[in-house]
Amino acid sequence: MLRKILPLTLVALLSVPASAAVIEVEIKKFNFIPQQLSVNVGDTVIWSNKEKRQYHSVWFKEAGDEEPDYFFPDETYQRTFNQAGTFNYICGPHPKMTGIITVK
């Protein structure tokens, strides 16, 4: 019985990133800072709204996602990236605000 469980356990361990990171993107003056970001599979990006009065969203519209709820000053939005690729996003209420996440 142990022989059958061991390979499955090994496969499960190999598919988990060794050290996932948490990276912050700040929102200030209607900009995502940084606007372009490169992360690894398994990393989490947290967008922090640093505006004084303005709400925003982080919408991966091109990926077919529904627009998430708006978040207000001192609130955050987060997403974990579990596959490689390039992910463009916008702020729903301010579509001129754009960002790009590249996942390696």
Protein backbone atom coordinates (compact mmCIF):
# COMPACT_ATOMS: atom_id res chain seq x y z
CA MET A 1 0.00 0.00 0.00
CA LEU A 2 2.84 2.43 0.81
CA ARG A 3 4.26 2.08 -2.72
CA LYS A 4 1.03 3.33 -4.27
CA ILE A 5 0.78 6.37 -1.97
CA LEU A 6 4.41 7.49 -2.25
CA PRO A 7 4.40 8.39 -5.98
CA LEU A 8 1.19 10.41 -5.59
CA THR A 9 2.64 12.25 -2.61
CA LEU A 10 5.82 13.00 -4.56
CA VAL A 11 3.84 14.35 -7.53
CA ALA A 12 1.80 16.58 -5.19
CA LEU A 13 4.94 17.97 -3.57
CA LEU A 14 6.62 18.66 -6.89
CA SER A 15 3.67 20.71 -8.15
CA VAL A 16 3.79 23.16 -5.20
CA PRO A 17 6.11 26.16 -5.69
CA ALA A 18 9.15 26.04 -3.42
CA SER A 19 8.71 29.58 -2.11
CA ALA A 20 5.76 31.58 -3.31
CA ALA A 21 6.11 35.33 -2.87
CA VAL A 22 3.65 38.09 -2.08
CA ILE A 23 4.17 41.24 -4.17
CA GLU A 24 2.42 44.58 -3.68
CA VAL A 25 1.18 46.90 -6.39
CA GLU A 26 0.19 50.35 -5.12
CA ILE A 27 -2.57 52.43 -6.64
CA LYS A 28 -1.78 56.15 -6.48
CA LYS A 29 -2.90 59.10 -8.58
CA PHE A 30 -4.81 56.80 -10.95
CA ASN A 31 -1.76 54.59 -11.65
CA PHE A 32 -0.77 51.00 -10.88
CA ILE A 33 2.77 51.14 -9.43
CA PRO A 34 4.55 49.25 -10.88
CA GLN A 35 2.53 49.16 -14.08
CA GLN A 36 4.38 46.05 -15.32
CA LEU A 37 5.36 43.23 -13.00
CA SER A 38 7.05 39.87 -13.46
CA VAL A 39 6.23 37.10 -10.96
CA ASN A 40 6.63 33.35 -10.63
CA VAL A 41 3.91 30.71 -10.79
CA GLY A 42 2.32 30.49 -7.34
CA ASP A 43 3.05 34.09 -6.37
CA THR A 44 0.30 36.34 -5.02
CA VAL A 45 -0.07 39.98 -6.04
CA ILE A 46 -1.83 42.36 -3.67
CA TRP A 47 -3.11 45.67 -5.03
CA SER A 48 -3.32 48.35 -2.30
CA ASN A 49 -5.51 51.39 -2.85
CA LYS A 50 -3.43 54.35 -1.59
CA GLU A 51 -5.78 57.02 -2.96
CA LYS A 52 -7.38 59.52 -0.59
CA ARG A 53 -10.98 59.17 -1.83
CA GLN A 54 -11.14 57.11 -5.03
CA TYR A 55 -12.36 53.52 -5.56
CA HIS A 56 -10.82 51.14 -8.12
CA SER A 57 -10.99 47.58 -9.41
CA VAL A 58 -8.46 45.14 -10.85
CA TRP A 59 -10.18 43.54 -13.82
CA PHE A 60 -8.63 40.83 -15.98
CA LYS A 61 -11.16 41.54 -18.71
CA GLU A 62 -9.15 40.00 -21.59
CA ALA A 63 -9.02 36.72 -19.65
CA GLY A 64 -12.82 36.67 -19.60
CA ASP A 65 -13.12 37.41 -15.87
CA GLU A 66 -16.13 39.24 -14.48
CA GLU A 67 -15.29 42.64 -13.04
CA PRO A 68 -14.61 42.25 -9.30
CA ASP A 69 -16.06 44.51 -6.64
CA TYR A 70 -14.56 47.97 -6.29
CA PHE A 71 -12.20 48.55 -3.40
CA PHE A 72 -11.75 51.83 -1.58
CA PRO A 73 -8.83 53.70 0.05
CA ASP A 74 -6.87 51.51 2.48
CA GLU A 75 -8.47 48.36 1.06
CA THR A 76 -6.78 45.67 -1.02
CA TYR A 77 -7.48 43.14 -3.75
CA GLN A 78 -5.36 40.04 -4.30
CA ARG A 79 -4.86 37.30 -6.85
CA THR A 80 -2.61 34.23 -6.91
CA PHE A 81 -1.18 33.33 -10.31
CA ASN A 82 -1.07 29.56 -10.81
CA GLN A 83 -0.14 29.41 -14.49
CA ALA A 84 2.48 31.02 -16.69
CA GLY A 85 1.51 33.69 -19.17
CA THR A 86 0.94 37.39 -19.67
CA PHE A 87 -2.11 38.86 -17.96
CA ASN A 88 -3.32 42.33 -18.90
CA TYR A 89 -5.67 44.13 -16.54
CA ILE A 90 -7.53 47.41 -16.22
CA CYS A 91 -9.36 49.39 -13.60
CA GLY A 92 -13.07 48.98 -14.45
CA PRO A 93 -14.20 52.50 -13.54
CA HIS A 94 -10.98 54.02 -15.00
CA PRO A 95 -10.10 51.95 -18.11
CA LYS A 96 -7.12 54.16 -18.97
CA MET A 97 -5.45 52.64 -15.90
CA THR A 98 -3.75 49.48 -17.19
CA GLY A 99 -1.29 46.94 -15.91
CA ILE A 100 0.48 43.78 -17.02
CA ILE A 101 1.48 40.76 -14.95
CA THR A 102 3.95 38.37 -16.58
CA VAL A 103 4.06 34.99 -14.86
CA LYS A 104 7.16 32.81 -15.43
